[in-house]
Amino acid sequence: MRVLSGIQPTGRFHWGNYFGAIRQYIDLQNDNEAYYFIANLHALTTVRDAKLLAQNTHDAALDLLALGLDPRRATLFVQSDVPEVSELCWLLMTGAPLGLLERCHAYKDKKAKGLTADAGLFMYPVLMSADILIYDADIVPVGEDQMQHIEVCRDLAGSFNHQYGETFVLPKGKVLPGAAKVPGTDGEKMSKSYNNTLELFEEPKALRKKIMRIVTDSRPMEQPKEPEGDHLFELYSLFASETERNEMAALYRRGGFGYGEIKQALAEVAERFLAEPRRRRAELASHPDEVRGILADGAARARKKAGEVLLRAQRACGVK
């Protein structure tokens, strides 16, 4: 099966990115033909600083490689290094119904809030469709909030196939099993939009300070507490072993502890978990040419497949 997914370089990756998606991407590279791209074209809808976008893109590559994405088993590349995707996007745009795009939640939600929505946001689902279709992807692992975009992709591909003959593989969205819903420092879903993130490769001292500021309730120390549903326990469980989780759950139910104790334990298990990826990242950062070479090789492989599909679509609709 060919698996494809992209991740936007809108800022440094946080715990929610890893446990919600990246961990599953790494697992999927083992038994599938995997294509993973850094979606810098999509990021242009929110990041308008050229130097920042370039740095974020490089940091994203370092992070993904350090976390375990293996370029020998998966194709890793930058979205803009495959210009064929933009050409395919235009072909799909010519048949994309306005009503379908107007119903897409990212655009609709922004309009409902009275915020300015540009054409890039409006056409975002079409570019996402081109990203998927141009590699003949069978499976697209996504969060539940992205399933609508997979349906849009299938609609556009089906319409094109009906108009011009069988051209595109119709992909299937796959909500990732085991993907964690990671709470942020305020107990809400961890998101850069909420400014409540804990970054994966933040310096340990700075990360520990953030952890110590995590919002908790005001129940007295001696009161027993149910661990399930407690966001501090949920964060601890992401990194802890099964034995450690069971011991922590027993402590919660027994009571007689302070949240500061749990936060210290969380900082320790997180530092232990991230120590090896942190070491790998530092090694990769000291060899930037090697990282650029990995991305260039990935783009070359991606362009080979993208060129085949684009030509197929161009011939189908008569522009070649």
Protein backbone atom coordinates (compact mmCIF):
# COMPACT_ATOMS: atom_id res chain seq x y z
CA MET A 1 0.00 0.00 0.00
CA ARG A 2 1.19 3.51 -0.76
CA VAL A 3 0.81 5.83 2.25
CA LEU A 4 1.08 9.61 2.01
CA SER A 5 0.93 12.40 4.55
CA GLY A 6 2.18 15.94 4.95
CA ILE A 7 2.88 18.12 7.96
CA GLN A 8 2.99 21.90 7.98
CA PRO A 9 6.11 23.78 9.17
CA THR A 10 4.14 26.51 10.93
CA GLY A 11 6.27 26.24 14.08
CA ARG A 12 8.33 23.77 16.06
CA PHE A 13 6.74 20.36 16.56
CA HIS A 14 5.21 19.68 19.96
CA TRP A 15 4.10 16.66 21.95
CA GLY A 16 0.69 16.70 20.28
CA ASN A 17 2.28 16.50 16.82
CA TYR A 18 4.33 13.49 17.81
CA PHE A 19 1.78 11.41 19.71
CA GLY A 20 -1.08 12.52 17.47
CA ALA A 21 0.56 11.79 14.11
CA ILE A 22 4.36 11.55 13.71
CA ARG A 23 4.69 8.40 15.83
CA GLN A 24 2.15 6.66 13.59
CA TYR A 25 3.88 7.88 10.41
CA ILE A 26 7.09 6.26 11.61
CA ASP A 27 5.29 2.98 12.30
CA LEU A 28 3.65 3.02 8.86
CA GLN A 29 6.99 3.32 7.04
CA ASN A 30 7.86 -0.24 8.01
CA ASP A 31 5.26 -2.16 6.00
CA ASN A 32 4.20 0.32 3.31
CA GLU A 33 5.55 2.47 0.51
CA ALA A 34 5.53 5.75 2.40
CA TYR A 35 5.71 9.34 1.11
CA TYR A 36 5.98 12.12 3.71
CA PHE A 37 6.34 15.77 2.84
CA ILE A 38 6.88 19.04 4.65
CA ALA A 39 3.92 21.13 3.48
CA ASN A 40 5.55 24.55 3.07
CA LEU A 41 3.12 25.64 0.33
CA HIS A 42 0.20 25.06 2.68
CA ALA A 43 2.05 26.94 5.42
CA LEU A 44 2.05 30.09 3.26
CA THR A 45 -1.57 30.64 4.32
CA THR A 46 -0.33 31.47 7.82
CA VAL A 47 3.45 32.09 7.73
CA ARG A 48 4.33 35.24 5.77
CA ASP A 49 7.95 35.60 6.91
CA ALA A 50 10.30 34.08 4.30
CA LYS A 51 13.24 33.47 6.64
CA LEU A 52 10.98 31.97 9.29
CA LEU A 53 9.31 29.61 6.82
CA ALA A 54 12.68 28.46 5.47
CA GLN A 55 13.98 27.86 9.02
CA ASN A 56 10.80 26.06 10.06
CA THR A 57 11.07 23.81 7.00
CA HIS A 58 14.67 22.89 7.85
CA ASP A 59 13.76 22.33 11.51
CA ALA A 60 10.86 20.09 10.49
CA ALA A 61 13.22 17.90 8.47
CA LEU A 62 15.65 17.66 11.40
CA ASP A 63 12.84 16.81 13.81
CA LEU A 64 11.29 14.11 11.62
CA LEU A 65 14.63 12.42 10.98
CA ALA A 66 15.64 12.62 14.64
CA LEU A 67 12.32 11.11 15.74
CA GLY A 68 12.84 8.05 13.57
CA LEU A 69 11.70 8.71 10.03
CA ASP A 70 14.13 6.65 7.94
CA PRO A 71 14.87 7.96 4.40
CA ARG A 72 15.88 4.43 3.38
CA ARG A 73 12.33 3.22 4.07
CA ALA A 74 10.26 6.36 3.37
CA THR A 75 10.44 9.19 0.87
CA LEU A 76 10.86 12.49 2.73
CA PHE A 77 10.72 15.74 0.76
CA VAL A 78 9.63 19.37 0.76
CA GLN A 79 6.31 20.05 -0.96
CA SER A 80 7.57 22.97 -3.07
CA ASP A 81 10.40 20.82 -4.49
CA VAL A 82 7.76 18.94 -6.51
CA PRO A 83 6.34 21.65 -8.83
CA GLU A 84 4.16 19.06 -10.57
CA VAL A 85 1.75 19.24 -7.62
CA SER A 86 0.95 22.89 -8.41
CA GLU A 87 0.28 22.02 -12.05
CA LEU A 88 -2.09 19.25 -11.04
CA CYS A 89 -3.78 21.60 -8.60
CA TRP A 90 -4.81 23.83 -11.54
CA LEU A 91 -6.28 20.91 -13.46
CA LEU A 92 -8.35 19.98 -10.41
CA MET A 93 -9.37 23.60 -9.78
CA THR A 94 -11.01 23.83 -13.19
CA GLY A 95 -13.54 21.21 -12.11
CA ALA A 96 -13.88 22.05 -8.40
CA PRO A 97 -17.43 23.21 -7.49
CA LEU A 98 -17.46 26.45 -5.49
CA GLY A 99 -20.21 25.12 -3.22
CA LEU A 100 -18.05 22.15 -2.23
CA LEU A 101 -15.15 24.39 -1.23
CA GLU A 102 -17.40 26.84 0.60
CA ARG A 103 -18.56 24.02 2.85
CA CYS A 104 -15.03 23.07 3.93
CA HIS A 105 -14.68 23.73 7.64
CA ALA A 106 -11.38 25.68 7.70
CA TYR A 107 -12.75 28.33 5.34
CA LYS A 108 -16.27 28.24 6.77
CA ASP A 109 -15.09 28.56 10.38
CA LYS A 110 -12.89 31.54 9.60
CA LYS A 111 -15.70 33.32 7.76
CA ALA A 112 -18.10 32.59 10.61
CA LYS A 113 -15.72 34.32 13.00
CA GLY A 114 -15.64 37.40 10.78
CA LEU A 115 -11.98 36.87 9.92
CA THR A 116 -10.43 37.56 6.54
CA ALA A 117 -10.13 34.38 4.49
CA ASP A 118 -7.85 34.56 1.47
CA ALA A 119 -7.97 32.52 -1.72
CA GLY A 120 -5.17 30.28 -0.47
CA LEU A 121 -7.30 29.09 2.44
CA PHE A 122 -10.31 28.69 0.16
CA MET A 123 -8.34 26.54 -2.31
CA TYR A 124 -6.45 24.65 0.40
CA PRO A 125 -8.52 21.45 -0.09
CA VAL A 126 -7.73 21.41 -3.82
CA LEU A 127 -3.99 21.67 -3.23
CA MET A 128 -4.32 18.96 -0.60
CA SER A 129 -6.14 16.82 -3.15
CA ALA A 130 -3.33 17.34 -5.66
CA ASP A 131 -0.80 16.36 -2.97
CA ILE A 132 -2.60 13.05 -2.53
CA LEU A 133 -3.58 12.19 -6.08
CA ILE A 134 -0.23 12.93 -7.68
CA TYR A 135 1.40 9.98 -5.90
CA ASP A 136 -1.43 7.49 -6.49
CA ALA A 137 -1.79 7.29 -2.70
CA ASP A 138 -3.95 4.46 -1.41
CA ILE A 139 -4.04 5.49 2.24
CA VAL A 140 -3.87 8.94 3.82
CA PRO A 141 -3.46 8.87 7.61
CA VAL A 142 -5.23 11.89 9.09
CA GLY A 143 -6.83 13.22 12.23
CA GLU A 144 -10.61 13.15 12.44
CA ASP A 145 -10.77 16.88 11.64
CA GLN A 146 -9.10 16.24 8.27
CA MET A 147 -11.45 13.52 7.02
CA GLN A 148 -13.60 16.11 5.25
CA HIS A 149 -10.63 17.01 3.04
CA ILE A 150 -10.18 13.35 2.06
CA GLU A 151 -13.84 13.27 0.98
CA VAL A 152 -13.25 16.43 -1.08
CA CYS A 153 -10.25 14.74 -2.69
CA ARG A 154 -12.32 11.68 -3.55
CA ASP A 155 -15.09 13.90 -4.97
CA LEU A 156 -12.65 15.82 -7.19
CA ALA A 157 -10.90 12.66 -8.36
CA GLY A 158 -14.20 10.90 -9.04
CA SER A 159 -15.50 13.87 -10.99
CA PHE A 160 -12.30 14.04 -13.06
CA ASN A 161 -12.45 10.29 -13.74
CA HIS A 162 -16.09 10.58 -14.80
CA GLN A 163 -15.33 13.48 -17.14
CA TYR A 164 -12.09 12.23 -18.69
CA GLY A 165 -11.85 8.52 -17.98
CA GLU A 166 -10.11 6.58 -15.23
CA THR A 167 -7.11 8.69 -14.25
CA PHE A 168 -6.76 8.86 -10.49
CA VAL A 169 -6.64 6.32 -7.69
CA LEU A 170 -9.37 7.12 -5.17
CA PRO A 171 -7.60 7.30 -1.79
CA LYS A 172 -8.97 6.26 1.57
CA GLY A 173 -8.57 8.31 4.72
CA LYS A 174 -7.32 6.43 7.74
CA VAL A 175 -7.86 7.85 11.21
CA LEU A 176 -4.73 6.78 13.00
CA PRO A 177 -5.20 4.01 15.59
CA GLY A 178 -3.47 4.84 18.83
CA ALA A 179 -3.24 8.51 18.00
CA ALA A 180 -3.36 10.32 21.29
CA LYS A 181 -5.39 13.44 21.99
CA VAL A 182 -2.73 15.33 23.85
CA PRO A 183 -3.73 17.99 26.39
CA GLY A 184 -1.82 21.26 26.49
CA THR A 185 -0.51 23.18 29.48
CA ASP A 186 -4.01 24.55 30.12
CA GLY A 187 -5.80 21.20 29.85
CA GLU A 188 -7.26 21.98 26.41
CA LYS A 189 -6.08 20.21 23.24
CA MET A 190 -2.42 21.00 22.64
CA SER A 191 -2.22 23.43 19.73
CA LYS A 192 -0.01 26.28 18.58
CA SER A 193 -3.24 28.24 18.07
CA TYR A 194 -3.91 28.05 21.82
CA ASN A 195 -0.32 28.86 22.83
CA ASN A 196 -0.34 25.87 25.19
CA THR A 197 2.30 23.62 23.65
CA LEU A 198 5.27 21.70 24.99
CA GLU A 199 7.86 21.47 22.23
CA LEU A 200 9.62 18.20 21.52
CA PHE A 201 13.10 19.65 21.29
CA GLU A 202 12.84 22.56 23.67
CA GLU A 203 15.86 22.94 25.94
CA PRO A 204 15.37 20.70 29.01
CA LYS A 205 15.48 23.56 31.54
CA ALA A 206 12.96 25.64 29.59
CA LEU A 207 10.74 22.60 29.08
CA ARG A 208 10.83 21.77 32.79
CA LYS A 209 9.76 25.33 33.62
CA LYS A 210 6.78 25.03 31.28
CA ILE A 211 5.83 21.70 32.82
CA MET A 212 5.92 23.20 36.31
CA ARG A 213 3.46 25.87 35.15
CA ILE A 214 0.86 23.37 33.87
CA VAL A 215 -2.57 24.33 35.18
CA THR A 216 -4.03 21.95 37.79
CA ASP A 217 -7.06 21.97 40.07
CA SER A 218 -7.04 23.08 43.71
CA ARG A 219 -7.99 19.84 45.44
CA PRO A 220 -6.08 19.30 48.71
CA MET A 221 -3.03 17.01 48.72
CA GLU A 222 -4.58 14.38 50.95
CA GLN A 223 -7.64 13.89 48.74
CA PRO A 224 -7.58 10.74 46.53
CA LYS A 225 -7.94 11.54 42.83
CA GLU A 226 -9.10 9.55 39.82
CA PRO A 227 -6.22 9.49 37.29
CA GLU A 228 -8.39 8.87 34.23
CA GLY A 229 -9.30 12.20 32.66
CA ASP A 230 -6.63 14.10 34.60
CA HIS A 231 -4.56 15.94 31.98
CA LEU A 232 -1.33 15.79 34.01
CA PHE A 233 -1.68 12.02 34.32
CA GLU A 234 -2.49 11.79 30.59
CA LEU A 235 0.73 13.64 29.74
CA TYR A 236 2.75 11.43 32.09
CA SER A 237 1.24 8.32 30.49
CA LEU A 238 2.54 9.33 27.05
CA PHE A 239 6.15 8.76 28.13
CA ALA A 240 5.96 6.36 31.06
CA SER A 241 6.27 2.57 30.97
CA GLU A 242 3.25 0.45 31.87
CA THR A 243 4.71 -0.19 35.32
CA GLU A 244 5.27 3.53 35.88
CA ARG A 245 1.73 4.34 34.75
CA ASN A 246 0.26 1.78 37.11
CA GLU A 247 2.32 3.09 40.02
CA MET A 248 1.32 6.68 39.25
CA ALA A 249 -2.36 5.69 38.99
CA ALA A 250 -2.11 4.00 42.40
CA LEU A 251 -0.57 7.17 43.87
CA TYR A 252 -3.46 9.25 42.50
CA ARG A 253 -6.05 6.93 44.01
CA ARG A 254 -4.21 6.80 47.34
CA GLY A 255 -3.88 10.58 47.64
CA GLY A 256 -1.41 12.39 49.86
CA PHE A 257 0.66 13.93 47.05
CA GLY A 258 1.13 17.34 45.50
CA TYR A 259 0.86 18.14 41.81
CA GLY A 260 4.42 19.48 41.91
CA GLU A 261 5.56 15.90 42.55
CA ILE A 262 3.70 14.70 39.45
CA LYS A 263 5.13 17.52 37.35
CA GLN A 264 8.67 16.61 38.40
CA ALA A 265 8.00 12.99 37.46
CA LEU A 266 6.58 14.11 34.10
CA ALA A 267 9.66 16.22 33.37
CA GLU A 268 11.93 13.26 34.18
CA VAL A 269 10.16 10.69 31.98
CA ALA A 270 9.88 13.20 29.11
CA GLU A 271 13.60 14.02 29.30
CA ARG A 272 14.44 10.31 29.34
CA PHE A 273 12.19 9.59 26.35
CA LEU A 274 13.55 12.48 24.28
CA ALA A 275 17.24 12.09 25.17
CA GLU A 276 18.13 9.88 22.19
CA PRO A 277 16.12 11.86 19.60
CA ARG A 278 17.73 15.02 21.00
CA ARG A 279 21.18 13.49 20.50
CA ARG A 280 20.33 12.42 16.94
CA ARG A 281 18.96 15.87 16.13
CA ALA A 282 22.16 17.57 17.32
CA GLU A 283 24.18 15.22 15.13
CA LEU A 284 22.00 15.93 12.09
CA ALA A 285 22.11 19.68 12.72
CA SER A 286 25.90 19.56 12.54
CA HIS A 287 25.68 18.08 9.02
CA PRO A 288 23.23 20.35 7.14
CA ASP A 289 24.46 19.20 3.73
CA GLU A 290 23.50 15.63 4.61
CA VAL A 291 19.97 16.76 5.51
CA ARG A 292 19.67 18.77 2.29
CA GLY A 293 20.85 15.70 0.39
CA ILE A 294 18.16 13.53 2.00
CA LEU A 295 15.47 16.05 1.02
CA ALA A 296 16.85 16.40 -2.52
CA ASP A 297 16.91 12.62 -2.97
CA GLY A 298 13.37 12.38 -1.63
CA ALA A 299 12.18 15.12 -3.99
CA ALA A 300 13.78 13.35 -6.97
CA ARG A 301 11.95 10.12 -6.12
CA ALA A 302 8.70 11.99 -5.52
CA ARG A 303 9.00 13.91 -8.80
CA LYS A 304 9.46 10.69 -10.74
CA LYS A 305 6.10 9.40 -9.54
CA ALA A 306 4.44 12.83 -9.70
CA GLY A 307 5.57 13.31 -13.30
CA GLU A 308 3.95 10.03 -14.34
CA VAL A 309 0.61 10.93 -12.76
CA LEU A 310 0.63 14.53 -14.00
CA LEU A 311 1.28 13.39 -17.57
CA ARG A 312 -1.55 10.88 -17.27
CA ALA A 313 -3.91 13.66 -16.13
CA GLN A 314 -2.70 16.10 -18.80
CA ARG A 315 -3.25 13.60 -21.56
CA ALA A 316 -6.67 12.69 -20.16
CA CYS A 317 -7.93 16.28 -20.34
CA GLY A 318 -6.17 17.17 -23.59
CA VAL A 319 -3.41 19.59 -22.58
CA LYS A 320 -0.67 17.18 -23.70
